[in-house]
């Protein structure tokens, strides 16, 4: 970040790629390293203690950056989460649209005017899509003031303010009932000590025939700790959990896990697009911030891509029902609805 180490004849991605390819997994099994990991796992409970006040401060650290920054490397809809590549050669815009449609299909939007809660709504792209293309009534909540302002402006600009509302609200303060609940890229900020509170809130807020979808970064190689550099500079208090850390909270909440899908290399491809766009707009970004910021962000994007491409990171989507028959008996509807815009076919058993 300070420029005291610079790649020679290549970029930081190439350096990290070589280093990741040469990681010795046996090294992590040495007694001293296992003891170090044990200490870090004890410490993470403290690091991820995330009451409402601290949660908003952590969110502001990353998401309240200059709004123009994100417009320079994200897609036009500012989807700051894993895209969905059906073929692999899509543009970023196509893959992000496919992600939103995939999520909409899993929410089983079988009738208009369903009330949907979007937890961690970002700049409002998903909420606006669900309202505009699927006829839903959506409430989006966020802890980022920058995102809130942008999302509200977008709703007004699209004439959807009667169907979409955005609030600066912590998920723990939700006290209404909804037909559907969706959370994309927010669960990583909940903190491991708060998973039960989150799942209980979803269970409490769903109507009897309700469906929820949790989309988050996870670990396929089991529980671990957040990289110390990422925790300090990029996502303070953040953690990507293993499914073994999430499902116990789901079970205790009374929710029914109706479908689990693992997206493996989709986020690696998403980050590749972001990294390319960041590079293409690097001079503009440097004029907004500085060279140190650019090197920090390049390190973040490159390291994150490799975590999904060669490491143990993935994305999971857990579909949850308030009861067993909340969704169809088979997954056929997911394929039948692929790419469809508008209210999906009625649910049948």
Protein backbone atom coordinates (compact mmCIF):
# COMPACT_ATOMS: atom_id res chain seq x y z
CA UNK A 1 0.00 0.00 0.00
CA UNK A 2 2.84 2.40 0.83
CA UNK A 3 4.71 1.56 -2.37
CA UNK A 4 7.77 0.17 -0.57
CA UNK A 5 7.23 -3.17 -2.37
CA UNK A 6 6.35 -2.98 -6.06
CA UNK A 7 5.76 -5.76 -8.62
CA UNK A 8 8.45 -5.83 -11.33
CA UNK A 9 7.11 -6.35 -14.84
CA UNK A 10 3.70 -7.52 -13.65
CA UNK A 11 0.79 -6.54 -11.41
CA UNK A 12 -0.04 -7.36 -7.81
CA UNK A 13 -2.53 -10.00 -9.01
CA UNK A 14 0.31 -11.93 -10.68
CA UNK A 15 2.41 -11.79 -7.51
CA UNK A 16 -0.45 -13.02 -5.32
CA UNK A 17 -1.34 -15.72 -7.87
CA UNK A 18 2.17 -17.19 -7.63
CA UNK A 19 2.15 -16.97 -3.84
CA UNK A 20 -1.26 -18.65 -3.56
CA UNK A 21 -0.18 -21.41 -5.94
CA UNK A 22 2.79 -22.14 -3.68
CA UNK A 23 1.02 -22.12 -0.33
CA UNK A 24 2.05 -25.16 1.68
CA UNK A 25 -1.08 -26.52 3.35
CA UNK A 26 1.07 -28.77 5.52
CA UNK A 27 2.57 -25.61 7.05
CA UNK A 28 -0.81 -24.77 8.57
CA UNK A 29 -0.82 -28.14 10.33
CA UNK A 30 2.35 -27.47 12.29
CA UNK A 31 1.67 -27.31 16.06
CA UNK A 32 2.73 -23.66 16.34
CA UNK A 33 0.41 -22.67 13.47
CA UNK A 34 -2.49 -24.67 14.89
CA UNK A 35 -2.01 -22.93 18.23
CA UNK A 36 -1.93 -19.56 16.47
CA UNK A 37 -5.18 -20.43 14.69
CA UNK A 38 -6.74 -21.40 18.02
CA UNK A 39 -5.84 -17.99 19.48
CA UNK A 40 -7.25 -16.18 16.44
CA UNK A 41 -10.53 -18.08 16.72
CA UNK A 42 -10.82 -17.02 20.34
CA UNK A 43 -10.14 -13.41 19.36
CA UNK A 44 -12.69 -13.37 16.55
CA UNK A 45 -15.59 -13.49 19.01
CA UNK A 46 -14.41 -10.14 20.34
CA UNK A 47 -13.69 -8.73 16.87
CA UNK A 48 -17.16 -9.67 15.63
CA UNK A 49 -19.15 -8.45 18.59
CA UNK A 50 -21.48 -6.30 16.53
CA UNK A 51 -24.14 -4.27 18.38
CA UNK A 52 -26.15 -1.77 16.31
CA UNK A 53 -23.82 1.20 16.91
CA UNK A 54 -20.68 -0.70 16.00
CA UNK A 55 -22.42 -2.30 13.01
CA UNK A 56 -23.20 1.12 11.52
CA UNK A 57 -19.62 2.31 12.07
CA UNK A 58 -18.25 -0.80 10.35
CA UNK A 59 -20.61 -0.36 7.41
CA UNK A 60 -19.67 3.31 7.03
CA UNK A 61 -15.97 2.37 6.80
CA UNK A 62 -16.49 0.73 3.42
CA UNK A 63 -19.89 1.61 2.00
CA UNK A 64 -19.86 5.33 2.75
CA UNK A 65 -16.88 5.96 0.51
CA UNK A 66 -17.26 8.43 -2.33
CA UNK A 67 -20.22 7.16 -4.35
CA UNK A 68 -18.43 7.85 -7.62
CA UNK A 69 -15.84 5.19 -6.75
CA UNK A 70 -18.34 2.36 -7.04
CA UNK A 71 -19.75 3.65 -10.32
CA UNK A 72 -16.26 3.29 -11.78
CA UNK A 73 -15.86 -0.46 -11.29
CA UNK A 74 -19.31 -1.97 -10.61
CA UNK A 75 -22.03 -2.60 -13.18
CA UNK A 76 -24.56 0.10 -14.01
CA UNK A 77 -26.95 -1.16 -11.33
CA UNK A 78 -24.19 -1.07 -8.69
CA UNK A 79 -24.59 -4.70 -7.69
CA UNK A 80 -21.81 -5.15 -5.12
CA UNK A 81 -22.19 -8.91 -4.75
CA UNK A 82 -21.56 -12.12 -6.66
CA UNK A 83 -22.96 -12.18 -10.20
CA UNK A 84 -24.39 -15.29 -11.85
CA UNK A 85 -22.65 -16.57 -14.99
CA UNK A 86 -24.86 -19.11 -16.78
CA UNK A 87 -22.45 -19.48 -19.71
CA UNK A 88 -19.26 -17.85 -18.50
CA UNK A 89 -18.84 -15.33 -21.28
CA UNK A 90 -21.48 -12.82 -20.15
CA UNK A 91 -20.82 -9.15 -19.65
CA UNK A 92 -20.90 -8.00 -16.04
CA UNK A 93 -24.27 -6.32 -16.65
CA UNK A 94 -25.74 -9.54 -18.06
CA UNK A 95 -24.41 -11.66 -15.19
CA UNK A 96 -25.72 -9.28 -12.53
CA UNK A 97 -29.15 -9.24 -14.14
CA UNK A 98 -29.09 -13.05 -14.21
CA UNK A 99 -28.24 -13.02 -10.48
CA UNK A 100 -31.26 -10.87 -9.69
CA UNK A 101 -33.55 -13.07 -11.77
CA UNK A 102 -32.14 -16.21 -10.12
CA UNK A 103 -32.88 -14.74 -6.70
CA UNK A 104 -36.37 -13.65 -7.77
CA UNK A 105 -37.14 -17.18 -8.95
CA UNK A 106 -36.03 -18.63 -5.61
CA UNK A 107 -38.28 -16.17 -3.79
CA UNK A 108 -41.25 -17.81 -5.52
CA UNK A 109 -42.97 -14.58 -6.53
CA UNK A 110 -46.25 -16.29 -7.42
CA UNK A 111 -48.53 -13.22 -7.21
CA UNK A 112 -48.26 -9.43 -7.43
CA UNK A 113 -48.03 -7.07 -4.46
CA UNK A 114 -46.06 -9.45 -2.27
CA UNK A 115 -44.44 -7.57 0.61
CA UNK A 116 -40.67 -8.09 0.50
CA UNK A 117 -37.98 -7.09 2.99
CA UNK A 118 -34.52 -6.54 1.49
CA UNK A 119 -31.97 -6.66 4.33
CA UNK A 120 -28.80 -4.80 3.35
CA UNK A 121 -30.33 -3.28 0.22
CA UNK A 122 -27.18 -1.54 -1.00
CA UNK A 123 -27.89 1.10 -3.65
CA UNK A 124 -31.35 -0.34 -4.21
CA UNK A 125 -30.84 -2.30 -7.42
CA UNK A 126 -32.44 -5.58 -6.32
CA UNK A 127 -35.36 -3.88 -4.55
CA UNK A 128 -36.10 -1.74 -7.60
CA UNK A 129 -35.95 -4.79 -9.88
CA UNK A 130 -38.36 -6.77 -7.70
CA UNK A 131 -40.80 -3.86 -7.69
CA UNK A 132 -40.49 -2.93 -11.36
CA UNK A 133 -40.31 -6.39 -12.97
CA UNK A 134 -42.22 -8.53 -10.48
CA UNK A 135 -44.85 -6.20 -9.07
CA UNK A 136 -43.67 -6.46 -5.46
CA UNK A 137 -43.96 -3.99 -2.60
CA UNK A 138 -40.41 -3.75 -1.25
CA UNK A 139 -38.87 -2.32 1.90
CA UNK A 140 -35.10 -2.01 1.73
CA UNK A 141 -33.01 -1.40 4.84
CA UNK A 142 -29.38 -0.36 5.12
CA UNK A 143 -26.94 1.14 7.61
CA UNK A 144 -25.11 3.16 4.95
CA UNK A 145 -26.22 6.78 4.61
CA UNK A 146 -24.57 7.06 1.20
CA UNK A 147 -26.43 4.02 -0.09
CA UNK A 148 -29.71 5.21 1.44
CA UNK A 149 -29.55 8.55 -0.35
CA UNK A 150 -28.70 6.96 -3.69
CA UNK A 151 -31.40 4.28 -3.36
CA UNK A 152 -34.11 6.82 -2.54
CA UNK A 153 -33.07 9.03 -5.45
CA UNK A 154 -33.21 6.06 -7.80
CA UNK A 155 -36.70 5.09 -6.62
CA UNK A 156 -37.94 8.62 -7.32
CA UNK A 157 -36.13 8.74 -10.65
CA UNK A 158 -37.83 5.50 -11.78
CA UNK A 159 -41.22 6.55 -10.44
CA UNK A 160 -41.28 3.60 -8.03
CA UNK A 161 -41.47 5.48 -4.73
CA UNK A 162 -45.02 4.13 -4.24
CA UNK A 163 -43.75 0.53 -4.45
CA UNK A 164 -40.31 0.78 -2.84
CA UNK A 165 -39.23 2.42 0.39
CA UNK A 166 -35.71 2.57 1.81
CA UNK A 167 -34.92 3.02 5.49
CA UNK A 168 -31.80 3.53 7.61
CA UNK A 169 -32.56 0.62 9.92
CA UNK A 170 -30.74 -2.21 11.71
CA UNK A 171 -32.23 -5.63 10.96
CA UNK A 172 -32.75 -6.17 14.69
CA UNK A 173 -35.26 -3.31 14.74
CA UNK A 174 -37.59 -4.84 12.13
CA UNK A 175 -41.06 -5.26 13.64
CA UNK A 176 -43.30 -5.97 10.62
CA UNK A 177 -44.43 -9.09 8.78
CA UNK A 178 -43.43 -9.86 5.20
CA UNK A 179 -44.29 -12.41 2.53
CA UNK A 180 -40.69 -12.67 1.38
CA UNK A 181 -37.32 -11.74 2.88
CA UNK A 182 -34.06 -11.49 0.96
CA UNK A 183 -30.55 -10.66 2.08
CA UNK A 184 -27.68 -10.42 -0.42
CA UNK A 185 -24.10 -9.77 0.70
CA UNK A 186 -25.07 -8.53 4.16
CA UNK A 187 -24.77 -11.64 6.32
CA UNK A 188 -20.98 -11.38 6.19
CA UNK A 189 -21.33 -8.31 8.43
CA UNK A 190 -23.63 -9.86 11.04
CA UNK A 191 -20.90 -11.42 13.22
CA UNK A 192 -20.80 -15.02 14.40
CA UNK A 193 -22.24 -14.15 17.79
CA UNK A 194 -25.38 -12.73 16.14
CA UNK A 195 -26.40 -15.47 13.70
CA UNK A 196 -29.16 -16.69 15.99
CA UNK A 197 -30.55 -13.18 16.38
CA UNK A 198 -30.58 -12.78 12.59
CA UNK A 199 -32.33 -16.11 11.92
CA UNK A 200 -34.83 -15.54 14.70
CA UNK A 201 -35.68 -12.15 13.19
CA UNK A 202 -36.30 -13.75 9.79
CA UNK A 203 -38.51 -16.43 11.35
CA UNK A 204 -40.43 -13.86 13.37
CA UNK A 205 -40.94 -11.55 10.39
CA UNK A 206 -42.13 -14.11 7.82
CA UNK A 207 -45.81 -14.72 7.17
CA UNK A 208 -46.98 -18.35 7.54
CA UNK A 209 -46.44 -19.12 3.84
CA UNK A 210 -43.31 -16.97 3.65
CA UNK A 211 -40.06 -17.65 1.78
CA UNK A 212 -36.64 -16.15 2.46
CA UNK A 213 -33.32 -16.27 0.64
CA UNK A 214 -29.93 -15.76 2.26
CA UNK A 215 -27.09 -15.07 -0.21
CA UNK A 216 -23.65 -14.70 1.36
CA UNK A 217 -19.95 -15.43 1.03
CA UNK A 218 -18.93 -18.62 2.80
CA UNK A 219 -16.09 -21.04 3.32
CA UNK A 220 -15.99 -24.53 1.83
CA UNK A 221 -12.98 -25.49 3.96
CA UNK A 222 -14.61 -25.02 7.37
CA UNK A 223 -14.61 -22.33 10.09
CA UNK A 224 -11.65 -19.98 10.18
CA UNK A 225 -10.84 -16.31 10.77
CA UNK A 226 -11.01 -13.17 8.67
CA UNK A 227 -7.72 -12.19 7.09
CA UNK A 228 -6.20 -9.57 9.41
CA UNK A 229 -5.47 -7.12 6.57
CA UNK A 230 -9.04 -7.37 5.23
CA UNK A 231 -10.40 -6.85 8.74
CA UNK A 232 -8.30 -3.74 9.32
CA UNK A 233 -8.52 -1.95 5.98
CA UNK A 234 -11.55 -3.23 4.06
CA UNK A 235 -14.30 -4.89 6.11
CA UNK A 236 -13.84 -4.33 9.85
CA UNK A 237 -15.87 -6.86 11.80
CA UNK A 238 -16.60 -8.89 8.68
CA UNK A 239 -16.49 -12.68 8.49
CA UNK A 240 -17.45 -15.23 5.84
CA UNK A 241 -18.82 -18.29 7.64
CA UNK A 242 -18.81 -21.98 6.90
CA UNK A 243 -22.24 -23.54 6.47
CA UNK A 244 -21.60 -25.51 9.65
CA UNK A 245 -21.67 -22.19 11.51
CA UNK A 246 -24.89 -20.96 9.91
CA UNK A 247 -27.18 -23.98 9.77
CA UNK A 248 -27.40 -24.55 13.55
CA UNK A 249 -28.92 -21.07 13.92
CA UNK A 250 -31.35 -21.83 11.08
CA UNK A 251 -32.40 -25.06 12.77
CA UNK A 252 -32.95 -23.46 16.15
CA UNK A 253 -35.02 -20.64 14.62
CA UNK A 254 -37.67 -23.04 13.36
CA UNK A 255 -37.09 -22.09 9.72
CA UNK A 256 -36.99 -24.88 7.15
CA UNK A 257 -33.98 -25.00 4.82
CA UNK A 258 -35.72 -25.78 1.53
CA UNK A 259 -32.75 -25.44 -0.83
CA UNK A 260 -29.01 -24.80 -0.62
CA UNK A 261 -26.94 -23.89 -3.67
CA UNK A 262 -23.18 -23.34 -3.75
CA UNK A 263 -21.82 -20.86 -6.29
CA UNK A 264 -18.15 -21.71 -6.70
CA UNK A 265 -16.27 -19.68 -9.30
CA UNK A 266 -19.01 -17.12 -9.95
CA UNK A 267 -17.50 -14.62 -7.52
CA UNK A 268 -14.00 -15.12 -8.93
CA UNK A 269 -15.37 -14.12 -12.33
CA UNK A 270 -17.27 -11.19 -10.81
CA UNK A 271 -14.12 -9.90 -9.11
CA UNK A 272 -12.16 -10.30 -12.34
CA UNK A 273 -14.58 -7.92 -14.04
CA UNK A 274 -14.37 -5.48 -11.13
CA UNK A 275 -10.56 -5.61 -11.17
CA UNK A 276 -10.43 -4.93 -14.91
CA UNK A 277 -12.81 -1.98 -14.61
CA UNK A 278 -10.88 -0.60 -11.65
CA UNK A 279 -7.68 -0.76 -13.71
CA UNK A 280 -9.36 0.94 -16.68
CA UNK A 281 -10.48 3.82 -14.42
CA UNK A 282 -7.46 3.90 -12.13
CA UNK A 283 -6.38 7.46 -12.99
CA UNK A 284 -9.85 8.81 -12.23
CA UNK A 285 -10.01 6.90 -8.94
CA UNK A 286 -6.56 8.17 -7.97
CA UNK A 287 -7.81 11.73 -8.53
CA UNK A 288 -10.69 11.07 -6.12
CA UNK A 289 -8.45 9.49 -3.48
CA UNK A 290 -4.72 8.84 -3.99
CA UNK A 291 -2.16 6.26 -5.07
CA UNK A 292 -2.13 4.55 -1.69
CA UNK A 293 -5.88 4.01 -1.89
CA UNK A 294 -5.53 2.57 -5.39
CA UNK A 295 -2.85 0.12 -4.28
CA UNK A 296 -5.00 -0.87 -1.29
CA UNK A 297 -8.04 -1.53 -3.47
CA UNK A 298 -6.01 -3.42 -6.08
CA UNK A 299 -4.64 -5.65 -3.33
CA UNK A 300 -8.18 -6.19 -2.01
CA UNK A 301 -9.71 -7.05 -5.40
CA UNK A 302 -6.81 -9.29 -6.45
CA UNK A 303 -6.58 -11.16 -3.16
CA UNK A 304 -10.34 -11.62 -3.02
CA UNK A 305 -10.50 -13.01 -6.54
CA UNK A 306 -7.81 -15.56 -5.72
CA UNK A 307 -9.58 -16.53 -2.50
CA UNK A 308 -12.48 -17.70 -4.67
CA UNK A 309 -10.41 -19.00 -7.58
CA UNK A 310 -7.81 -21.04 -5.69
CA UNK A 311 -8.75 -20.78 -2.01
CA UNK A 312 -11.61 -22.03 0.12
CA UNK A 313 -14.14 -19.26 -0.47
CA UNK A 314 -17.50 -19.68 -2.21
CA UNK A 315 -20.99 -18.17 -2.15
CA UNK A 316 -24.00 -19.96 -0.72
CA UNK A 317 -27.68 -19.34 -1.24
CA UNK A 318 -29.92 -20.81 1.44
CA UNK A 319 -33.62 -20.77 0.62
CA UNK A 320 -35.73 -20.81 3.78
CA UNK A 321 -39.39 -21.48 4.31
CA UNK A 322 -41.68 -20.70 7.22
CA UNK A 323 -43.08 -24.21 6.68
CA UNK A 324 -42.35 -27.35 4.65
CA UNK A 325 -44.69 -26.61 1.75
CA UNK A 326 -43.65 -22.98 1.25
CA UNK A 327 -41.88 -23.84 -2.04
CA UNK A 328 -42.47 -26.46 -4.79
CA UNK A 329 -41.50 -30.06 -4.15
CA UNK A 330 -38.80 -30.12 -6.83
CA UNK A 331 -36.26 -27.65 -8.20
CA UNK A 332 -37.75 -27.77 -11.71
CA UNK A 333 -39.29 -24.32 -11.28
CA UNK A 334 -35.82 -22.80 -10.99
CA UNK A 335 -34.98 -23.89 -14.52
CA UNK A 336 -38.44 -23.20 -15.94
CA UNK A 337 -38.21 -19.63 -14.66
CA UNK A 338 -34.67 -18.98 -15.87
CA UNK A 339 -34.50 -15.59 -17.51
CA UNK A 340 -38.20 -14.91 -17.08
CA UNK A 341 -39.29 -11.40 -16.19
CA UNK A 342 -42.52 -10.88 -14.33
CA UNK A 343 -44.60 -12.86 -11.86
CA UNK A 344 -43.56 -16.50 -11.85
CA UNK A 345 -45.92 -19.43 -12.27
CA UNK A 346 -48.17 -20.23 -9.31
CA UNK A 347 -46.67 -22.63 -6.80
CA UNK A 348 -48.12 -26.09 -6.95
CA UNK A 349 -47.33 -29.29 -5.15
